[in-house]
Amino acid sequence: MDAQEVIRCLNASEERMDSNGTLIAEAQTYLRLFPAVICQYASRNCNNVAHCQAKRALLFSVLADYIKEKSKETTSNSSKLQSDHTKQQESRRRLEQKIEVKN
């Protein structure tokens, strides 16, 4: 089923009995929730704006995932550095206590 046929089916009043009929009927049910709906075919050449918006949304999604991952790495590294620093401070305190005991 191509895009033009989907639009024809969505705008049609009769039910389809083929394998896509259930999907079309479900879409029509959702469309009826709106007071007015126009389903219109737009050729690929005319649909360039939507195509560009979809590509942009995908790019931002990938970028957001990358930023989240880097943020997790930075937080993890920061926690590890903090833990290492705390261990060094504890070791230094124990060493200072040993030195005080010897004196």
PDB file of N, CA and C in Angstrom:
ATOM      1  N   MET A   1       0.858  -1.170   0.000  1.00  0.00           N
ATOM      2  CA  MET A   1       0.000   0.000   0.000  1.00  0.00           C
ATOM      3  C   MET A   1       0.904   1.234   0.000  1.00  0.00           C
ATOM      4  N   ASP A   2       0.710   2.094  -0.980  1.00  0.00           N
ATOM      5  CA  ASP A   2       1.524   3.308  -1.025  1.00  0.00           C
ATOM      6  C   ASP A   2       0.804   4.457  -0.321  1.00  0.00           C
ATOM      7  N   ALA A   3       1.485   5.575  -0.196  1.00  0.00           N
ATOM      8  CA  ALA A   3       0.964   6.717   0.564  1.00  0.00           C
ATOM      9  C   ALA A   3      -0.340   7.252  -0.020  1.00  0.00           C
ATOM     10  N   GLN A   4      -0.441   7.305  -1.348  1.00  0.00           N
ATOM     11  CA  GLN A   4      -1.674   7.815  -1.964  1.00  0.00           C
ATOM     12  C   GLN A   4      -2.867   6.922  -1.622  1.00  0.00           C
ATOM     13  N   GLU A   5      -2.643   5.621  -1.611  1.00  0.00           N
ATOM     14  CA  GLU A   5      -3.728   4.696  -1.288  1.00  0.00           C
ATOM     15  C   GLU A   5      -4.130   4.825   0.185  1.00  0.00           C
ATOM     16  N   VAL A   6      -3.161   5.040   1.059  1.00  0.00           N
ATOM     17  CA  VAL A   6      -3.466   5.244   2.485  1.00  0.00           C
ATOM     18  C   VAL A   6      -4.373   6.459   2.648  1.00  0.00           C
ATOM     19  N   ILE A   7      -4.044   7.548   1.967  1.00  0.00           N
ATOM     20  CA  ILE A   7      -4.860   8.766   2.057  1.00  0.00           C
ATOM     21  C   ILE A   7      -6.267   8.507   1.527  1.00  0.00           C
ATOM     22  N   ARG A   8      -6.368   7.809   0.386  1.00  0.00           N
ATOM     23  CA  ARG A   8      -7.696   7.483  -0.169  1.00  0.00           C
ATOM     24  C   ARG A   8      -8.506   6.665   0.836  1.00  0.00           C
ATOM     25  N   CYS A   9      -7.858   5.696   1.475  1.00  0.00           N
ATOM     26  CA  CYS A   9      -8.557   4.843   2.449  1.00  0.00           C
ATOM     27  C   CYS A   9      -8.976   5.631   3.681  1.00  0.00           C
ATOM     28  N   LEU A  10      -8.118   6.515   4.158  1.00  0.00           N
ATOM     29  CA  LEU A  10      -8.461   7.315   5.337  1.00  0.00           C
ATOM     30  C   LEU A  10      -9.653   8.220   5.060  1.00  0.00           C
ATOM     31  N   ASN A  11      -9.735   8.732   3.846  1.00  0.00           N
ATOM     32  CA  ASN A  11     -10.828   9.633   3.486  1.00  0.00           C
ATOM     33  C   ASN A  11     -12.104   8.892   3.078  1.00  0.00           C
ATOM     34  N   ALA A  12     -11.997   7.591   2.834  1.00  0.00           N
ATOM     35  CA  ALA A  12     -13.159   6.809   2.386  1.00  0.00           C
ATOM     36  C   ALA A  12     -14.074   6.490   3.568  1.00  0.00           C
ATOM     37  N   SER A  13     -15.343   6.296   3.258  1.00  0.00           N
ATOM     38  CA  SER A  13     -16.302   5.976   4.321  1.00  0.00           C
ATOM     39  C   SER A  13     -16.496   4.465   4.481  1.00  0.00           C
ATOM     40  N   GLU A  14     -16.186   3.684   3.435  1.00  0.00           N
ATOM     41  CA  GLU A  14     -16.397   2.238   3.533  1.00  0.00           C
ATOM     42  C   GLU A  14     -15.209   1.569   4.241  1.00  0.00           C
ATOM     43  N   GLU A  15     -15.486   0.415   4.829  1.00  0.00           N
ATOM     44  CA  GLU A  15     -14.451  -0.336   5.538  1.00  0.00           C
ATOM     45  C   GLU A  15     -13.680  -1.201   4.561  1.00  0.00           C
ATOM     46  N   ARG A  16     -12.420  -1.393   4.863  1.00  0.00           N
ATOM     47  CA  ARG A  16     -11.573  -2.268   4.048  1.00  0.00           C
ATOM     48  C   ARG A  16     -11.542  -3.649   4.687  1.00  0.00           C
ATOM     49  N   MET A  17     -11.469  -4.654   3.864  1.00  0.00           N
ATOM     50  CA  MET A  17     -11.459  -6.022   4.374  1.00  0.00           C
ATOM     51  C   MET A  17     -10.111  -6.705   4.160  1.00  0.00           C
ATOM     52  N   ASP A  18      -9.105  -5.969   3.732  1.00  0.00           N
ATOM     53  CA  ASP A  18      -7.801  -6.595   3.523  1.00  0.00           C
ATOM     54  C   ASP A  18      -6.959  -6.510   4.798  1.00  0.00           C
ATOM     55  N   SER A  19      -5.693  -6.889   4.696  1.00  0.00           N
ATOM     56  CA  SER A  19      -4.819  -6.944   5.878  1.00  0.00           C
ATOM     57  C   SER A  19      -4.567  -5.571   6.493  1.00  0.00           C
ATOM     58  N   ASN A  20      -4.688  -4.508   5.725  1.00  0.00           N
ATOM     59  CA  ASN A  20      -4.470  -3.159   6.251  1.00  0.00           C
ATOM     60  C   ASN A  20      -5.746  -2.530   6.803  1.00  0.00           C
ATOM     61  N   GLY A  21      -6.873  -3.203   6.639  1.00  0.00           N
ATOM     62  CA  GLY A  21      -8.158  -2.642   7.037  1.00  0.00           C
ATOM     63  C   GLY A  21      -8.238  -2.281   8.505  1.00  0.00           C
ATOM     64  N   THR A  22      -7.696  -3.129   9.369  1.00  0.00           N
ATOM     65  CA  THR A  22      -7.748  -2.863  10.808  1.00  0.00           C
ATOM     66  C   THR A  22      -6.956  -1.610  11.156  1.00  0.00           C
ATOM     67  N   LEU A  23      -5.795  -1.487  10.564  1.00  0.00           N
ATOM     68  CA  LEU A  23      -4.953  -0.315  10.824  1.00  0.00           C
ATOM     69  C   LEU A  23      -5.624   0.963  10.327  1.00  0.00           C
ATOM     70  N   ILE A  24      -6.203   0.901   9.149  1.00  0.00           N
ATOM     71  CA  ILE A  24      -6.910   2.062   8.595  1.00  0.00           C
ATOM     72  C   ILE A  24      -8.093   2.427   9.494  1.00  0.00           C
ATOM     73  N   ALA A  25      -8.855   1.415   9.934  1.00  0.00           N
ATOM     74  CA  ALA A  25     -10.015   1.667  10.803  1.00  0.00           C
ATOM     75  C   ALA A  25      -9.580   2.311  12.115  1.00  0.00           C
ATOM     76  N   GLU A  26      -8.473   1.849  12.669  1.00  0.00           N
ATOM     77  CA  GLU A  26      -7.970   2.441  13.919  1.00  0.00           C
ATOM     78  C   GLU A  26      -7.575   3.899  13.700  1.00  0.00           C
ATOM     79  N   ALA A  27      -6.882   4.170  12.602  1.00  0.00           N
ATOM     80  CA  ALA A  27      -6.491   5.552  12.293  1.00  0.00           C
ATOM     81  C   ALA A  27      -7.726   6.430  12.102  1.00  0.00           C
ATOM     82  N   GLN A  28      -8.737   5.906  11.411  1.00  0.00           N
ATOM     83  CA  GLN A  28      -9.972   6.674  11.208  1.00  0.00           C
ATOM     84  C   GLN A  28     -10.662   6.978  12.540  1.00  0.00           C
ATOM     85  N   THR A  29     -10.615   6.037  13.466  1.00  0.00           N
ATOM     86  CA  THR A  29     -11.206   6.256  14.796  1.00  0.00           C
ATOM     87  C   THR A  29     -10.525   7.428  15.493  1.00  0.00           C
ATOM     88  N   TYR A  30      -9.210   7.463  15.430  1.00  0.00           N
ATOM     89  CA  TYR A  30      -8.476   8.579  16.049  1.00  0.00           C
ATOM     90  C   TYR A  30      -8.759   9.900  15.337  1.00  0.00           C
ATOM     91  N   LEU A  31      -8.855   9.853  14.026  1.00  0.00           N
ATOM     92  CA  LEU A  31      -9.123  11.079  13.269  1.00  0.00           C
ATOM     93  C   LEU A  31     -10.495  11.660  13.612  1.00  0.00           C
ATOM     94  N   ARG A  32     -11.457  10.797  13.926  1.00  0.00           N
ATOM     95  CA  ARG A  32     -12.804  11.267  14.273  1.00  0.00           C
ATOM     96  C   ARG A  32     -12.840  12.007  15.611  1.00  0.00           C
ATOM     97  N   LEU A  33     -11.784  11.913  16.387  1.00  0.00           N
ATOM     98  CA  LEU A  33     -11.720  12.627  17.673  1.00  0.00           C
ATOM     99  C   LEU A  33     -11.573  14.139  17.473  1.00  0.00           C
ATOM    100  N   PHE A  34     -11.157  14.540  16.288  1.00  0.00           N
ATOM    101  CA  PHE A  34     -10.964  15.959  15.981  1.00  0.00           C
ATOM    102  C   PHE A  34     -12.193  16.507  15.258  1.00  0.00           C
ATOM    103  N   PRO A  35     -12.525  17.778  15.497  1.00  0.00           N
ATOM    104  CA  PRO A  35     -13.705  18.350  14.848  1.00  0.00           C
ATOM    105  C   PRO A  35     -13.571  18.410  13.323  1.00  0.00           C
ATOM    106  N   ALA A  36     -12.383  18.648  12.838  1.00  0.00           N
ATOM    107  CA  ALA A  36     -12.173  18.708  11.388  1.00  0.00           C
ATOM    108  C   ALA A  36     -10.777  18.184  11.070  1.00  0.00           C
ATOM    109  N   VAL A  37     -10.709  17.297  10.104  1.00  0.00           N
ATOM    110  CA  VAL A  37      -9.426  16.716   9.696  1.00  0.00           C
ATOM    111  C   VAL A  37      -9.399  16.644   8.179  1.00  0.00           C
ATOM    112  N   ILE A  38      -8.272  17.010   7.617  1.00  0.00           N
ATOM    113  CA  ILE A  38      -8.076  16.870   6.177  1.00  0.00           C
ATOM    114  C   ILE A  38      -6.837  16.010   5.975  1.00  0.00           C
ATOM    115  N   CYS A  39      -7.018  14.878   5.344  1.00  0.00           N
ATOM    116  CA  CYS A  39      -5.891  14.017   4.987  1.00  0.00           C
ATOM    117  C   CYS A  39      -5.617  14.251   3.511  1.00  0.00           C
ATOM    118  N   GLN A  40      -4.412  14.694   3.215  1.00  0.00           N
ATOM    119  CA  GLN A  40      -4.086  15.062   1.845  1.00  0.00           C
ATOM    120  C   GLN A  40      -2.705  14.521   1.515  1.00  0.00           C
ATOM    121  N   TYR A  41      -2.574  13.956   0.342  1.00  0.00           N
ATOM    122  CA  TYR A  41      -1.298  13.415  -0.107  1.00  0.00           C
ATOM    123  C   TYR A  41      -0.362  14.550  -0.508  1.00  0.00           C
ATOM    124  N   ALA A  42       0.880  14.429  -0.089  1.00  0.00           N
ATOM    125  CA  ALA A  42       1.919  15.375  -0.518  1.00  0.00           C
ATOM    126  C   ALA A  42       3.045  14.556  -1.130  1.00  0.00           C
ATOM    127  N   SER A  43       3.379  14.875  -2.365  1.00  0.00           N
ATOM    128  CA  SER A  43       4.436  14.119  -3.033  1.00  0.00           C
ATOM    129  C   SER A  43       5.766  14.346  -2.327  1.00  0.00           C
ATOM    130  N   ARG A  44       6.693  13.476  -2.598  1.00  0.00           N
ATOM    131  CA  ARG A  44       8.004  13.564  -1.965  1.00  0.00           C
ATOM    132  C   ARG A  44       8.665  14.914  -2.248  1.00  0.00           C
ATOM    133  N   ASN A  45       8.500  15.419  -3.454  1.00  0.00           N
ATOM    134  CA  ASN A  45       9.093  16.714  -3.809  1.00  0.00           C
ATOM    135  C   ASN A  45       8.504  17.853  -2.981  1.00  0.00           C
ATOM    136  N   CYS A  46       7.224  17.764  -2.682  1.00  0.00           N
ATOM    137  CA  CYS A  46       6.557  18.819  -1.905  1.00  0.00           C
ATOM    138  C   CYS A  46       6.722  18.625  -0.404  1.00  0.00           C
ATOM    139  N   ASN A  47       7.245  17.507  -0.008  1.00  0.00           N
ATOM    140  CA  ASN A  47       7.316  17.170   1.406  1.00  0.00           C
ATOM    141  C   ASN A  47       8.714  17.416   1.973  1.00  0.00           C
ATOM    142  N   ASN A  48       9.498  18.250   1.323  1.00  0.00           N
ATOM    143  CA  ASN A  48      10.882  18.486   1.729  1.00  0.00           C
ATOM    144  C   ASN A  48      10.978  19.104   3.123  1.00  0.00           C
ATOM    145  N   VAL A  49      10.061  19.997   3.466  1.00  0.00           N
ATOM    146  CA  VAL A  49      10.105  20.646   4.785  1.00  0.00           C
ATOM    147  C   VAL A  49       9.939  19.606   5.888  1.00  0.00           C
ATOM    148  N   ALA A  50       8.961  18.727   5.745  1.00  0.00           N
ATOM    149  CA  ALA A  50       8.743  17.684   6.755  1.00  0.00           C
ATOM    150  C   ALA A  50       9.950  16.760   6.841  1.00  0.00           C
ATOM    151  N   HIS A  51      10.532  16.444   5.690  1.00  0.00           N
ATOM    152  CA  HIS A  51      11.720  15.592   5.664  1.00  0.00           C
ATOM    153  C   HIS A  51      12.866  16.255   6.427  1.00  0.00           C
ATOM    154  N   CYS A  52      13.095  17.528   6.194  1.00  0.00           N
ATOM    155  CA  CYS A  52      14.167  18.261   6.891  1.00  0.00           C
ATOM    156  C   CYS A  52      13.902  18.324   8.395  1.00  0.00           C
ATOM    157  N   GLN A  53      12.648  18.539   8.784  1.00  0.00           N
ATOM    158  CA  GLN A  53      12.299  18.584  10.210  1.00  0.00           C
ATOM    159  C   GLN A  53      12.545  17.227  10.866  1.00  0.00           C
ATOM    160  N   ALA A  54      12.200  16.157  10.168  1.00  0.00           N
ATOM    161  CA  ALA A  54      12.421  14.817  10.715  1.00  0.00           C
ATOM    162  C   ALA A  54      13.912  14.544  10.884  1.00  0.00           C
ATOM    163  N   LYS A  55      14.717  14.944   9.902  1.00  0.00           N
ATOM    164  CA  LYS A  55      16.167  14.761  10.012  1.00  0.00           C
ATOM    165  C   LYS A  55      16.725  15.571  11.175  1.00  0.00           C
ATOM    166  N   ARG A  56      16.237  16.794  11.336  1.00  0.00           N
ATOM    167  CA  ARG A  56      16.694  17.660  12.429  1.00  0.00           C
ATOM    168  C   ARG A  56      16.325  17.053  13.787  1.00  0.00           C
ATOM    169  N   ALA A  57      15.107  16.530  13.889  1.00  0.00           N
ATOM    170  CA  ALA A  57      14.666  15.903  15.145  1.00  0.00           C
ATOM    171  C   ALA A  57      15.542  14.703  15.475  1.00  0.00           C
ATOM    172  N   LEU A  58      15.875  13.909  14.461  1.00  0.00           N
ATOM    173  CA  LEU A  58      16.741  12.756  14.676  1.00  0.00           C
ATOM    174  C   LEU A  58      18.121  13.206  15.134  1.00  0.00           C
ATOM    175  N   LEU A  59      18.659  14.240  14.506  1.00  0.00           N
ATOM    176  CA  LEU A  59      19.971  14.760  14.881  1.00  0.00           C
ATOM    177  C   LEU A  59      19.972  15.234  16.332  1.00  0.00           C
ATOM    178  N   PHE A  60      18.942  15.982  16.722  1.00  0.00           N
ATOM    179  CA  PHE A  60      18.877  16.475  18.101  1.00  0.00           C
ATOM    180  C   PHE A  60      18.715  15.325  19.090  1.00  0.00           C
ATOM    181  N   SER A  61      17.991  14.287  18.693  1.00  0.00           N
ATOM    182  CA  SER A  61      17.819  13.122  19.553  1.00  0.00           C
ATOM    183  C   SER A  61      19.160  12.430  19.778  1.00  0.00           C
ATOM    184  N   VAL A  62      19.917  12.237  18.701  1.00  0.00           N
ATOM    185  CA  VAL A  62      21.236  11.611  18.804  1.00  0.00           C
ATOM    186  C   VAL A  62      22.165  12.487  19.635  1.00  0.00           C
ATOM    187  N   LEU A  63      22.120  13.795  19.414  1.00  0.00           N
ATOM    188  CA  LEU A  63      22.953  14.723  20.169  1.00  0.00           C
ATOM    189  C   LEU A  63      22.594  14.699  21.652  1.00  0.00           C
ATOM    190  N   ALA A  64      21.312  14.658  21.962  1.00  0.00           N
ATOM    191  CA  ALA A  64      20.873  14.609  23.364  1.00  0.00           C
ATOM    192  C   ALA A  64      21.360  13.327  24.033  1.00  0.00           C
ATOM    193  N   ASP A  65      21.280  12.196  23.325  1.00  0.00           N
ATOM    194  CA  ASP A  65      21.774  10.929  23.877  1.00  0.00           C
ATOM    195  C   ASP A  65      23.274  11.001  24.133  1.00  0.00           C
ATOM    196  N   TYR A  66      24.019  11.611  23.203  1.00  0.00           N
ATOM    197  CA  TYR A  66      25.469  11.757  23.354  1.00  0.00           C
ATOM    198  C   TYR A  66      25.797  12.609  24.588  1.00  0.00           C
ATOM    199  N   ILE A  67      25.083  13.709  24.749  1.00  0.00           N
ATOM    200  CA  ILE A  67      25.323  14.599  25.894  1.00  0.00           C
ATOM    201  C   ILE A  67      25.011  13.874  27.199  1.00  0.00           C
ATOM    202  N   LYS A  68      23.913  13.124  27.242  1.00  0.00           N
ATOM    203  CA  LYS A  68      23.570  12.366  28.450  1.00  0.00           C
ATOM    204  C   LYS A  68      24.667  11.371  28.791  1.00  0.00           C
ATOM    205  N   GLU A  69      25.170  10.658  27.780  1.00  0.00           N
ATOM    206  CA  GLU A  69      26.209   9.655  28.006  1.00  0.00           C
ATOM    207  C   GLU A  69      27.486  10.308  28.522  1.00  0.00           C
ATOM    208  N   LYS A  70      27.883  11.422  27.915  1.00  0.00           N
ATOM    209  CA  LYS A  70      29.088  12.125  28.372  1.00  0.00           C
ATOM    210  C   LYS A  70      28.902  12.662  29.780  1.00  0.00           C
ATOM    211  N   SER A  71      27.694  13.107  30.093  1.00  0.00           N
ATOM    212  CA  SER A  71      27.400  13.606  31.432  1.00  0.00           C
ATOM    213  C   SER A  71      27.545  12.488  32.459  1.00  0.00           C
ATOM    214  N   LYS A  72      27.050  11.291  32.111  1.00  0.00           N
ATOM    215  CA  LYS A  72      27.191  10.145  33.012  1.00  0.00           C
ATOM    216  C   LYS A  72      28.664   9.810  33.224  1.00  0.00           C
ATOM    217  N   GLU A  73      29.451   9.825  32.132  1.00  0.00           N
ATOM    218  CA  GLU A  73      30.879   9.532  32.241  1.00  0.00           C
ATOM    219  C   GLU A  73      31.570  10.553  33.133  1.00  0.00           C
ATOM    220  N   THR A  74      31.238  11.825  32.944  1.00  0.00           N
ATOM    221  CA  THR A  74      31.848  12.887  33.737  1.00  0.00           C
ATOM    222  C   THR A  74      31.487  12.733  35.204  1.00  0.00           C
ATOM    223  N   THR A  75      30.223  12.433  35.486  1.00  0.00           N
ATOM    224  CA  THR A  75      29.774  12.234  36.863  1.00  0.00           C
ATOM    225  C   THR A  75      30.482  11.040  37.481  1.00  0.00           C
ATOM    226  N   SER A  76      30.610   9.971  36.707  1.00  0.00           N
ATOM    227  CA  SER A  76      31.286   8.768  37.192  1.00  0.00           C
ATOM    228  C   SER A  76      32.753   9.057  37.481  1.00  0.00           C
ATOM    229  N   ASN A  77      33.418   9.766  36.561  1.00  0.00           N
ATOM    230  CA  ASN A  77      34.827  10.120  36.763  1.00  0.00           C
ATOM    231  C   ASN A  77      34.992  11.042  37.955  1.00  0.00           C
ATOM    232  N   SER A  78      34.082  11.980  38.113  1.00  0.00           N
ATOM    233  CA  SER A  78      34.134  12.912  39.237  1.00  0.00           C
ATOM    234  C   SER A  78      33.982  12.161  40.556  1.00  0.00           C
ATOM    235  N   SER A  79      33.063  11.209  40.601  1.00  0.00           N
ATOM    236  CA  SER A  79      32.857  10.408  41.810  1.00  0.00           C
ATOM    237  C   SER A  79      34.095   9.588  42.125  1.00  0.00           C
ATOM    238  N   LYS A  80      34.722   9.028  41.090  1.00  0.00           N
ATOM    239  CA  LYS A  80      35.935   8.231  41.288  1.00  0.00           C
ATOM    240  C   LYS A  80      37.062   9.105  41.812  1.00  0.00           C
ATOM    241  N   LEU A  81      37.219  10.297  41.246  1.00  0.00           N
ATOM    242  CA  LEU A  81      38.259  11.211  41.723  1.00  0.00           C
ATOM    243  C   LEU A  81      38.010  11.603  43.171  1.00  0.00           C
ATOM    244  N   GLN A  82      36.760  11.870  43.508  1.00  0.00           N
ATOM    245  CA  GLN A  82      36.407  12.230  44.885  1.00  0.00           C
ATOM    246  C   GLN A  82      36.731  11.077  45.828  1.00  0.00           C
ATOM    247  N   SER A  83      36.409   9.863  45.410  1.00  0.00           N
ATOM    248  CA  SER A  83      36.684   8.676  46.220  1.00  0.00           C
ATOM    249  C   SER A  83      38.188   8.496  46.403  1.00  0.00           C
ATOM    250  N   ASP A  84      38.959   8.652  45.325  1.00  0.00           N
ATOM    251  CA  ASP A  84      40.422   8.542  45.408  1.00  0.00           C
ATOM    252  C   ASP A  84      40.990   9.595  46.343  1.00  0.00           C
ATOM    253  N   HIS A  85      40.479  10.810  46.255  1.00  0.00           N
ATOM    254  CA  HIS A  85      40.950  11.904  47.107  1.00  0.00           C
ATOM    255  C   HIS A  85      40.664  11.591  48.578  1.00  0.00           C
ATOM    256  N   THR A  86      39.474  11.071  48.851  1.00  0.00           N
ATOM    257  CA  THR A  86      39.099  10.708  50.223  1.00  0.00           C
ATOM    258  C   THR A  86      40.019   9.609  50.751  1.00  0.00           C
ATOM    259  N   LYS A  87      40.314   8.612  49.919  1.00  0.00           N
ATOM    260  CA  LYS A  87      41.225   7.534  50.329  1.00  0.00           C
ATOM    261  C   LYS A  87      42.614   8.082  50.631  1.00  0.00           C
ATOM    262  N   GLN A  88      43.092   9.006  49.809  1.00  0.00           N
ATOM    263  CA  GLN A  88      44.409   9.611  50.050  1.00  0.00           C
ATOM    264  C   GLN A  88      44.421  10.376  51.366  1.00  0.00           C
ATOM    265  N   GLN A  89      43.348  11.105  51.645  1.00  0.00           N
ATOM    266  CA  GLN A  89      43.269  11.851  52.904  1.00  0.00           C
ATOM    267  C   GLN A  89      43.275  10.901  54.098  1.00  0.00           C
ATOM    268  N   GLU A  90      42.547   9.807  54.003  1.00  0.00           N
ATOM    269  CA  GLU A  90      42.512   8.828  55.089  1.00  0.00           C
ATOM    270  C   GLU A  90      43.884   8.205  55.299  1.00  0.00           C
ATOM    271  N   SER A  91      44.569   7.868  54.214  1.00  0.00           N
ATOM    272  CA  SER A  91      45.916   7.296  54.313  1.00  0.00           C
ATOM    273  C   SER A  91      46.872   8.289  54.959  1.00  0.00           C
ATOM    274  N   ARG A  92      46.773   9.546  54.564  1.00  0.00           N
ATOM    275  CA  ARG A  92      47.642  10.577  55.138  1.00  0.00           C
ATOM    276  C   ARG A  92      47.373  10.739  56.635  1.00  0.00           C
ATOM    277  N   ARG A  93      46.099  10.729  57.035  1.00  0.00           N
ATOM    278  CA  ARG A  93      45.749  10.842  58.456  1.00  0.00           C
ATOM    279  C   ARG A  93      46.319   9.676  59.260  1.00  0.00           C
ATOM    280  N   ARG A  94      46.186   8.453  58.724  1.00  0.00           N
ATOM    281  CA  ARG A  94      46.724   7.279  59.426  1.00  0.00           C
ATOM    282  C   ARG A  94      48.236   7.371  59.565  1.00  0.00           C
ATOM    283  N   LEU A  95      48.888   7.829  58.497  1.00  0.00           N
ATOM    284  CA  LEU A  95      50.343   7.978  58.536  1.00  0.00           C
ATOM    285  C   LEU A  95      50.743   9.029  59.564  1.00  0.00           C
ATOM    286  N   GLU A  96      50.020  10.143  59.606  1.00  0.00           N
ATOM    287  CA  GLU A  96      50.310  11.192  60.593  1.00  0.00           C
ATOM    288  C   GLU A  96      50.095  10.676  62.013  1.00  0.00           C
ATOM    289  N   GLN A  97      49.067   9.850  62.215  1.00  0.00           N
ATOM    290  CA  GLN A  97      48.815   9.283  63.542  1.00  0.00           C
ATOM    291  C   GLN A  97      49.945   8.342  63.956  1.00  0.00           C
ATOM    292  N   LYS A  98      50.456   7.555  63.004  1.00  0.00           N
ATOM    293  CA  LYS A  98      51.567   6.651  63.309  1.00  0.00           C
ATOM    294  C   LYS A  98      52.806   7.444  63.692  1.00  0.00           C
ATOM    295  N   ILE A  99      53.033   8.532  62.975  1.00  0.00           N
ATOM    296  CA  ILE A  99      54.206   9.371  63.267  1.00  0.00           C
ATOM    297  C   ILE A  99      54.066   9.977  64.654  1.00  0.00           C
ATOM    298  N   GLU A 100      52.871  10.440  65.019  1.00  0.00           N
ATOM    299  CA  GLU A 100      52.640  11.028  66.341  1.00  0.00           C
ATOM    300  C   GLU A 100      52.856   9.993  67.437  1.00  0.00           C
ATOM    301  N   VAL A 101      52.421   8.767  67.206  1.00  0.00           N
ATOM    302  CA  VAL A 101      52.572   7.703  68.207  1.00  0.00           C
ATOM    303  C   VAL A 101      54.052   7.411  68.429  1.00  0.00           C
ATOM    304  N   LYS A 102      54.856   7.404  67.390  1.00  0.00           N
ATOM    305  CA  LYS A 102      56.291   7.124  67.500  1.00  0.00           C
ATOM    306  C   LYS A 102      57.011   8.239  68.234  1.00  0.00           C
ATOM    307  N   ASN A 103      56.560   9.455  68.103  1.00  0.00           N
ATOM    308  CA  ASN A 103      57.231  10.584  68.754  1.00  0.00           C
ATOM    309  C   ASN A 103      56.809  10.599  70.179  1.00  0.00           C
TER     310      ASN A 103
END
